[in-house]
Amino acid sequence: MNKPADQSPDIQGEGNYEATRRYDKATTDFVQSGKVDQAARDARPQSEAEADEMRRAEQEGKAHAKGEDAALRKGASK
């Protein structure tokens, strides 16, 4: 089967392996930097109104979901 001329060789289906490697490295570097806790604190809602907005957005997202992945439940085995 012939590849389209404009398709880069690093594109595999819907994924780009090089981009995945860069993302994985950046994520690993960030976690190892020790800045995760501060980033989590900085991401907290700044007001009760913002917290309410975040809760509403979460509920809206859940309303569109097919259901929770059973593997995410506490104590679920693989």
PDB file of N, CA and C in Angstrom:
ATOM      1  N   MET A   1       0.834  -1.178   0.000  1.00  0.00           N
ATOM      2  CA  MET A   1       0.000   0.000   0.000  1.00  0.00           C
ATOM      3  C   MET A   1       0.876   1.237   0.000  1.00  0.00           C
ATOM      4  N   ASN A   2       0.566   2.207  -0.812  1.00  0.00           N
ATOM      5  CA  ASN A   2       1.360   3.426  -0.919  1.00  0.00           C
ATOM      6  C   ASN A   2       0.963   4.441   0.133  1.00  0.00           C
ATOM      7  N   LYS A   3       1.985   5.124   0.698  1.00  0.00           N
ATOM      8  CA  LYS A   3       1.747   6.191   1.662  1.00  0.00           C
ATOM      9  C   LYS A   3       1.479   7.480   0.898  1.00  0.00           C
ATOM     10  N   PRO A   4       0.595   8.326   1.421  1.00  0.00           N
ATOM     11  CA  PRO A   4       0.428   9.652   0.816  1.00  0.00           C
ATOM     12  C   PRO A   4       1.736  10.418   0.903  1.00  0.00           C
ATOM     13  N   ALA A   5       2.024  11.224  -0.103  1.00  0.00           N
ATOM     14  CA  ALA A   5       3.293  11.952  -0.157  1.00  0.00           C
ATOM     15  C   ALA A   5       3.452  12.924   0.996  1.00  0.00           C
ATOM     16  N   ASP A   6       2.346  13.457   1.520  1.00  0.00           N
ATOM     17  CA  ASP A   6       2.447  14.445   2.582  1.00  0.00           C
ATOM     18  C   ASP A   6       2.487  13.842   3.980  1.00  0.00           C
ATOM     19  N   GLN A   7       2.466  12.524   4.073  1.00  0.00           N
ATOM     20  CA  GLN A   7       2.481  11.883   5.393  1.00  0.00           C
ATOM     21  C   GLN A   7       3.915  11.694   5.857  1.00  0.00           C
ATOM     22  N   SER A   8       4.219  12.267   7.013  1.00  0.00           N
ATOM     23  CA  SER A   8       5.548  12.150   7.594  1.00  0.00           C
ATOM     24  C   SER A   8       5.774  10.723   8.072  1.00  0.00           C
ATOM     25  N   PRO A   9       7.006  10.213   7.995  1.00  0.00           N
ATOM     26  CA  PRO A   9       7.262   8.839   8.427  1.00  0.00           C
ATOM     27  C   PRO A   9       7.097   8.632   9.926  1.00  0.00           C
ATOM     28  N   ASP A  10       7.082   9.712  10.735  1.00  0.00           N
ATOM     29  CA  ASP A  10       6.934   9.529  12.176  1.00  0.00           C
ATOM     30  C   ASP A  10       5.470   9.518  12.607  1.00  0.00           C
ATOM     31  N   ILE A  11       4.547   9.673  11.686  1.00  0.00           N
ATOM     32  CA  ILE A  11       3.124   9.597  11.995  1.00  0.00           C
ATOM     33  C   ILE A  11       2.699   8.145  11.825  1.00  0.00           C
ATOM     34  N   GLN A  12       2.194   7.576  12.901  1.00  0.00           N
ATOM     35  CA  GLN A  12       1.761   6.186  12.888  1.00  0.00           C
ATOM     36  C   GLN A  12       0.297   6.152  13.293  1.00  0.00           C
ATOM     37  N   GLY A  13      -0.585   5.988  12.349  1.00  0.00           N
ATOM     38  CA  GLY A  13      -2.000   6.011  12.681  1.00  0.00           C
ATOM     39  C   GLY A  13      -2.357   7.384  13.213  1.00  0.00           C
ATOM     40  N   GLU A  14      -2.860   7.437  14.439  1.00  0.00           N
ATOM     41  CA  GLU A  14      -3.220   8.720  15.032  1.00  0.00           C
ATOM     42  C   GLU A  14      -2.126   9.247  15.949  1.00  0.00           C
ATOM     43  N   GLY A  15      -0.983   8.571  16.016  1.00  0.00           N
ATOM     44  CA  GLY A  15       0.046   8.975  16.957  1.00  0.00           C
ATOM     45  C   GLY A  15       1.325   9.415  16.297  1.00  0.00           C
ATOM     46  N   ASN A  16       2.065  10.222  16.993  1.00  0.00           N
ATOM     47  CA  ASN A  16       3.373  10.668  16.560  1.00  0.00           C
ATOM     48  C   ASN A  16       4.336  10.227  17.650  1.00  0.00           C
ATOM     49  N   TYR A  17       5.148   9.243  17.349  1.00  0.00           N
ATOM     50  CA  TYR A  17       6.017   8.642  18.365  1.00  0.00           C
ATOM     51  C   TYR A  17       6.998   9.644  18.953  1.00  0.00           C
ATOM     52  N   GLU A  18       7.546  10.517  18.126  1.00  0.00           N
ATOM     53  CA  GLU A  18       8.508  11.498  18.625  1.00  0.00           C
ATOM     54  C   GLU A  18       7.822  12.480  19.576  1.00  0.00           C
ATOM     55  N   ALA A  19       6.636  12.915  19.237  1.00  0.00           N
ATOM     56  CA  ALA A  19       5.897  13.823  20.116  1.00  0.00           C
ATOM     57  C   ALA A  19       5.574  13.134  21.438  1.00  0.00           C
ATOM     58  N   THR A  20       5.238  11.871  21.377  1.00  0.00           N
ATOM     59  CA  THR A  20       4.955  11.119  22.600  1.00  0.00           C
ATOM     60  C   THR A  20       6.192  11.037  23.476  1.00  0.00           C
ATOM     61  N   ARG A  21       7.345  10.780  22.874  1.00  0.00           N
ATOM     62  CA  ARG A  21       8.590  10.713  23.651  1.00  0.00           C
ATOM     63  C   ARG A  21       8.896  12.064  24.300  1.00  0.00           C
ATOM     64  N   ARG A  22       8.701  13.170  23.547  1.00  0.00           N
ATOM     65  CA  ARG A  22       8.956  14.496  24.115  1.00  0.00           C
ATOM     66  C   ARG A  22       8.007  14.772  25.278  1.00  0.00           C
ATOM     67  N   TYR A  23       6.732  14.430  25.111  1.00  0.00           N
ATOM     68  CA  TYR A  23       5.748  14.651  26.179  1.00  0.00           C
ATOM     69  C   TYR A  23       6.115  13.826  27.411  1.00  0.00           C
ATOM     70  N   ASP A  24       6.431  12.547  27.206  1.00  0.00           N
ATOM     71  CA  ASP A  24       6.792  11.680  28.333  1.00  0.00           C
ATOM     72  C   ASP A  24       8.019  12.214  29.074  1.00  0.00           C
ATOM     73  N   LYS A  25       9.016  12.682  28.338  1.00  0.00           N
ATOM     74  CA  LYS A  25      10.230  13.213  28.973  1.00  0.00           C
ATOM     75  C   LYS A  25       9.911  14.488  29.743  1.00  0.00           C
ATOM     76  N   ALA A  26       9.135  15.390  29.141  1.00  0.00           N
ATOM     77  CA  ALA A  26       8.783  16.637  29.819  1.00  0.00           C
ATOM     78  C   ALA A  26       7.988  16.353  31.091  1.00  0.00           C
ATOM     79  N   THR A  27       7.077  15.387  31.034  1.00  0.00           N
ATOM     80  CA  THR A  27       6.280  15.029  32.202  1.00  0.00           C
ATOM     81  C   THR A  27       7.164  14.438  33.289  1.00  0.00           C
ATOM     82  N   THR A  28       8.040  13.533  32.917  1.00  0.00           N
ATOM     83  CA  THR A  28       8.958  12.922  33.879  1.00  0.00           C
ATOM     84  C   THR A  28       9.866  13.979  34.504  1.00  0.00           C
ATOM     85  N   ASP A  29      10.399  14.872  33.677  1.00  0.00           N
ATOM     86  CA  ASP A  29      11.268  15.932  34.191  1.00  0.00           C
ATOM     87  C   ASP A  29      10.521  16.823  35.182  1.00  0.00           C
ATOM     88  N   PHE A  30       9.256  17.150  34.873  1.00  0.00           N
ATOM     89  CA  PHE A  30       8.474  18.003  35.770  1.00  0.00           C
ATOM     90  C   PHE A  30       8.227  17.301  37.098  1.00  0.00           C
ATOM     91  N   VAL A  31       7.846  16.040  37.054  1.00  0.00           N
ATOM     92  CA  VAL A  31       7.583  15.290  38.283  1.00  0.00           C
ATOM     93  C   VAL A  31       8.855  15.214  39.131  1.00  0.00           C
ATOM     94  N   GLN A  32       9.981  14.964  38.496  1.00  0.00           N
ATOM     95  CA  GLN A  32      11.236  14.844  39.229  1.00  0.00           C
ATOM     96  C   GLN A  32      11.765  16.189  39.716  1.00  0.00           C
ATOM     97  N   SER A  33      11.233  17.291  39.183  1.00  0.00           N
ATOM     98  CA  SER A  33      11.719  18.617  39.576  1.00  0.00           C
ATOM     99  C   SER A  33      11.291  19.002  40.991  1.00  0.00           C
ATOM    100  N   GLY A  34      10.284  18.308  41.518  1.00  0.00           N
ATOM    101  CA  GLY A  34       9.798  18.634  42.845  1.00  0.00           C
ATOM    102  C   GLY A  34       8.810  19.795  42.864  1.00  0.00           C
ATOM    103  N   LYS A  35       8.319  20.205  41.709  1.00  0.00           N
ATOM    104  CA  LYS A  35       7.423  21.359  41.624  1.00  0.00           C
ATOM    105  C   LYS A  35       5.944  20.970  41.537  1.00  0.00           C
ATOM    106  N   VAL A  36       5.634  19.696  41.652  1.00  0.00           N
ATOM    107  CA  VAL A  36       4.254  19.236  41.486  1.00  0.00           C
ATOM    108  C   VAL A  36       3.348  19.768  42.585  1.00  0.00           C
ATOM    109  N   ASP A  37       3.779  19.675  43.837  1.00  0.00           N
ATOM    110  CA  ASP A  37       2.942  20.129  44.948  1.00  0.00           C
ATOM    111  C   ASP A  37       2.624  21.620  44.830  1.00  0.00           C
ATOM    112  N   GLN A  38       3.611  22.427  44.495  1.00  0.00           N
ATOM    113  CA  GLN A  38       3.381  23.866  44.348  1.00  0.00           C
ATOM    114  C   GLN A  38       2.436  24.135  43.180  1.00  0.00           C
ATOM    115  N   ALA A  39       2.603  23.422  42.080  1.00  0.00           N
ATOM    116  CA  ALA A  39       1.715  23.608  40.933  1.00  0.00           C
ATOM    117  C   ALA A  39       0.283  23.232  41.292  1.00  0.00           C
ATOM    118  N   ALA A  40       0.113  22.192  42.087  1.00  0.00           N
ATOM    119  CA  ALA A  40      -1.229  21.787  42.524  1.00  0.00           C
ATOM    120  C   ALA A  40      -1.835  22.865  43.422  1.00  0.00           C
ATOM    121  N   ARG A  41      -1.032  23.419  44.318  1.00  0.00           N
ATOM    122  CA  ARG A  41      -1.538  24.499  45.173  1.00  0.00           C
ATOM    123  C   ARG A  41      -1.912  25.719  44.333  1.00  0.00           C
ATOM    124  N   ASP A  42      -1.102  26.039  43.347  1.00  0.00           N
ATOM    125  CA  ASP A  42      -1.363  27.194  42.487  1.00  0.00           C
ATOM    126  C   ASP A  42      -2.623  27.000  41.638  1.00  0.00           C
ATOM    127  N   ALA A  43      -2.994  25.749  41.379  1.00  0.00           N
ATOM    128  CA  ALA A  43      -4.155  25.456  40.534  1.00  0.00           C
ATOM    129  C   ALA A  43      -5.464  25.446  41.306  1.00  0.00           C
ATOM    130  N   ARG A  44      -5.384  25.543  42.638  1.00  0.00           N
ATOM    131  CA  ARG A  44      -6.610  25.556  43.448  1.00  0.00           C
ATOM    132  C   ARG A  44      -7.466  26.748  43.070  1.00  0.00           C
ATOM    133  N   PRO A  45      -8.785  26.601  43.230  1.00  0.00           N
ATOM    134  CA  PRO A  45      -9.657  27.750  42.958  1.00  0.00           C
ATOM    135  C   PRO A  45      -9.305  28.906  43.889  1.00  0.00           C
ATOM    136  N   GLN A  46      -9.377  30.116  43.366  1.00  0.00           N
ATOM    137  CA  GLN A  46      -9.009  31.308  44.135  1.00  0.00           C
ATOM    138  C   GLN A  46     -10.175  31.891  44.915  1.00  0.00           C
ATOM    139  N   SER A  47     -11.384  31.406  44.631  1.00  0.00           N
ATOM    140  CA  SER A  47     -12.561  31.913  45.337  1.00  0.00           C
ATOM    141  C   SER A  47     -13.622  30.816  45.382  1.00  0.00           C
ATOM    142  N   GLU A  48     -14.622  31.027  46.222  1.00  0.00           N
ATOM    143  CA  GLU A  48     -15.725  30.063  46.282  1.00  0.00           C
ATOM    144  C   GLU A  48     -16.486  30.042  44.960  1.00  0.00           C
ATOM    145  N   ALA A  49     -16.591  31.195  44.305  1.00  0.00           N
ATOM    146  CA  ALA A  49     -17.275  31.256  43.002  1.00  0.00           C
ATOM    147  C   ALA A  49     -16.533  30.417  41.965  1.00  0.00           C
ATOM    148  N   GLU A  50     -15.203  30.493  41.973  1.00  0.00           N
ATOM    149  CA  GLU A  50     -14.407  29.696  41.038  1.00  0.00           C
ATOM    150  C   GLU A  50     -14.549  28.207  41.361  1.00  0.00           C
ATOM    151  N   ALA A  51     -14.596  27.869  42.650  1.00  0.00           N
ATOM    152  CA  ALA A  51     -14.775  26.473  43.048  1.00  0.00           C
ATOM    153  C   ALA A  51     -16.137  25.956  42.574  1.00  0.00           C
ATOM    154  N   ASP A  52     -17.184  26.789  42.706  1.00  0.00           N
ATOM    155  CA  ASP A  52     -18.514  26.396  42.222  1.00  0.00           C
ATOM    156  C   ASP A  52     -18.507  26.186  40.718  1.00  0.00           C
ATOM    157  N   GLU A  53     -17.835  27.076  39.999  1.00  0.00           N
ATOM    158  CA  GLU A  53     -17.744  26.950  38.547  1.00  0.00           C
ATOM    159  C   GLU A  53     -17.035  25.646  38.154  1.00  0.00           C
ATOM    160  N   MET A  54     -15.990  25.305  38.882  1.00  0.00           N
ATOM    161  CA  MET A  54     -15.256  24.067  38.600  1.00  0.00           C
ATOM    162  C   MET A  54     -16.129  22.844  38.877  1.00  0.00           C
ATOM    163  N   ARG A  55     -16.914  22.893  39.960  1.00  0.00           N
ATOM    164  CA  ARG A  55     -17.813  21.775  40.263  1.00  0.00           C
ATOM    165  C   ARG A  55     -18.874  21.622  39.181  1.00  0.00           C
ATOM    166  N   ARG A  56     -19.429  22.765  38.716  1.00  0.00           N
ATOM    167  CA  ARG A  56     -20.437  22.698  37.644  1.00  0.00           C
ATOM    168  C   ARG A  56     -19.828  22.130  36.364  1.00  0.00           C
ATOM    169  N   ALA A  57     -18.622  22.542  36.047  1.00  0.00           N
ATOM    170  CA  ALA A  57     -17.958  22.029  34.839  1.00  0.00           C
ATOM    171  C   ALA A  57     -17.699  20.533  34.955  1.00  0.00           C
ATOM    172  N   GLU A  58     -17.307  20.088  36.143  1.00  0.00           N
ATOM    173  CA  GLU A  58     -17.086  18.659  36.349  1.00  0.00           C
ATOM    174  C   GLU A  58     -18.389  17.883  36.171  1.00  0.00           C
ATOM    175  N   GLN A  59     -19.467  18.391  36.743  1.00  0.00           N
ATOM    176  CA  GLN A  59     -20.758  17.714  36.608  1.00  0.00           C
ATOM    177  C   GLN A  59     -21.206  17.678  35.152  1.00  0.00           C
ATOM    178  N   GLU A  60     -20.989  18.760  34.423  1.00  0.00           N
ATOM    179  CA  GLU A  60     -21.335  18.803  32.993  1.00  0.00           C
ATOM    180  C   GLU A  60     -20.553  17.745  32.229  1.00  0.00           C
ATOM    181  N   GLY A  61     -19.269  17.641  32.517  1.00  0.00           N
ATOM    182  CA  GLY A  61     -18.446  16.626  31.857  1.00  0.00           C
ATOM    183  C   GLY A  61     -18.914  15.223  32.182  1.00  0.00           C
ATOM    184  N   LYS A  62     -19.242  14.993  33.444  1.00  0.00           N
ATOM    185  CA  LYS A  62     -19.718  13.673  33.851  1.00  0.00           C
ATOM    186  C   LYS A  62     -21.048  13.332  33.195  1.00  0.00           C
ATOM    187  N   ALA A  63     -21.872  14.340  32.940  1.00  0.00           N
ATOM    188  CA  ALA A  63     -23.170  14.105  32.315  1.00  0.00           C
ATOM    189  C   ALA A  63     -23.009  13.567  30.895  1.00  0.00           C
ATOM    190  N   HIS A  64     -21.877  13.852  30.258  1.00  0.00           N
ATOM    191  CA  HIS A  64     -21.629  13.391  28.894  1.00  0.00           C
ATOM    192  C   HIS A  64     -20.855  12.079  28.845  1.00  0.00           C
ATOM    193  N   ALA A  65     -20.374  11.637  29.982  1.00  0.00           N
ATOM    194  CA  ALA A  65     -19.552  10.427  30.042  1.00  0.00           C
ATOM    195  C   ALA A  65     -20.420   9.181  29.957  1.00  0.00           C
ATOM    196  N   LYS A  66     -19.840   8.116  29.445  1.00  0.00           N
ATOM    197  CA  LYS A  66     -20.550   6.838  29.365  1.00  0.00           C
ATOM    198  C   LYS A  66     -20.576   6.133  30.702  1.00  0.00           C
ATOM    199  N   GLY A  67     -19.708   6.510  31.585  1.00  0.00           N
ATOM    200  CA  GLY A  67     -19.632   5.879  32.898  1.00  0.00           C
ATOM    201  C   GLY A  67     -18.198   5.813  33.356  1.00  0.00           C
ATOM    202  N   GLU A  68     -18.032   5.595  34.632  1.00  0.00           N
ATOM    203  CA  GLU A  68     -16.694   5.539  35.187  1.00  0.00           C
ATOM    204  C   GLU A  68     -16.046   4.201  34.863  1.00  0.00           C
ATOM    205  N   ASP A  69     -14.767   4.253  34.572  1.00  0.00           N
ATOM    206  CA  ASP A  69     -13.997   3.045  34.322  1.00  0.00           C
ATOM    207  C   ASP A  69     -13.882   2.290  35.640  1.00  0.00           C
ATOM    208  N   ALA A  70     -14.345   1.059  35.664  1.00  0.00           N
ATOM    209  CA  ALA A  70     -14.320   0.261  36.890  1.00  0.00           C
ATOM    210  C   ALA A  70     -12.905   0.125  37.454  1.00  0.00           C
ATOM    211  N   ALA A  71     -11.899   0.171  36.604  1.00  0.00           N
ATOM    212  CA  ALA A  71     -10.513   0.036  37.059  1.00  0.00           C
ATOM    213  C   ALA A  71     -10.072   1.244  37.887  1.00  0.00           C
ATOM    214  N   LEU A  72     -10.787   2.348  37.807  1.00  0.00           N
ATOM    215  CA  LEU A  72     -10.410   3.530  38.565  1.00  0.00           C
ATOM    216  C   LEU A  72     -10.919   3.497  39.999  1.00  0.00           C
ATOM    217  N   ARG A  73     -11.853   2.612  40.274  1.00  0.00           N
ATOM    218  CA  ARG A  73     -12.403   2.530  41.624  1.00  0.00           C
ATOM    219  C   ARG A  73     -11.371   1.982  42.592  1.00  0.00           C
ATOM    220  N   LYS A  74     -11.382   2.506  43.795  1.00  0.00           N
ATOM    221  CA  LYS A  74     -10.427   2.094  44.824  1.00  0.00           C
ATOM    222  C   LYS A  74     -10.562   0.580  45.063  1.00  0.00           C
ATOM    223  N   GLY A  75      -9.438  -0.088  45.081  1.00  0.00           N
ATOM    224  CA  GLY A  75      -9.421  -1.514  45.360  1.00  0.00           C
ATOM    225  C   GLY A  75      -9.710  -2.387  44.149  1.00  0.00           C
ATOM    226  N   ALA A  76      -9.902  -1.785  42.987  1.00  0.00           N
ATOM    227  CA  ALA A  76     -10.202  -2.593  41.789  1.00  0.00           C
ATOM    228  C   ALA A  76      -8.929  -3.334  41.366  1.00  0.00           C
ATOM    229  N   SER A  77      -9.105  -4.566  41.001  1.00  0.00           N
ATOM    230  CA  SER A  77      -7.959  -5.342  40.521  1.00  0.00           C
ATOM    231  C   SER A  77      -7.894  -5.251  39.014  1.00  0.00           C
ATOM    232  N   LYS A  78      -6.714  -5.478  38.473  1.00  0.00           N
ATOM    233  CA  LYS A  78      -6.507  -5.379  37.024  1.00  0.00           C
ATOM    234  C   LYS A  78      -6.982  -6.595  36.302  1.00  0.00           C
TER     235      LYS A  78
END
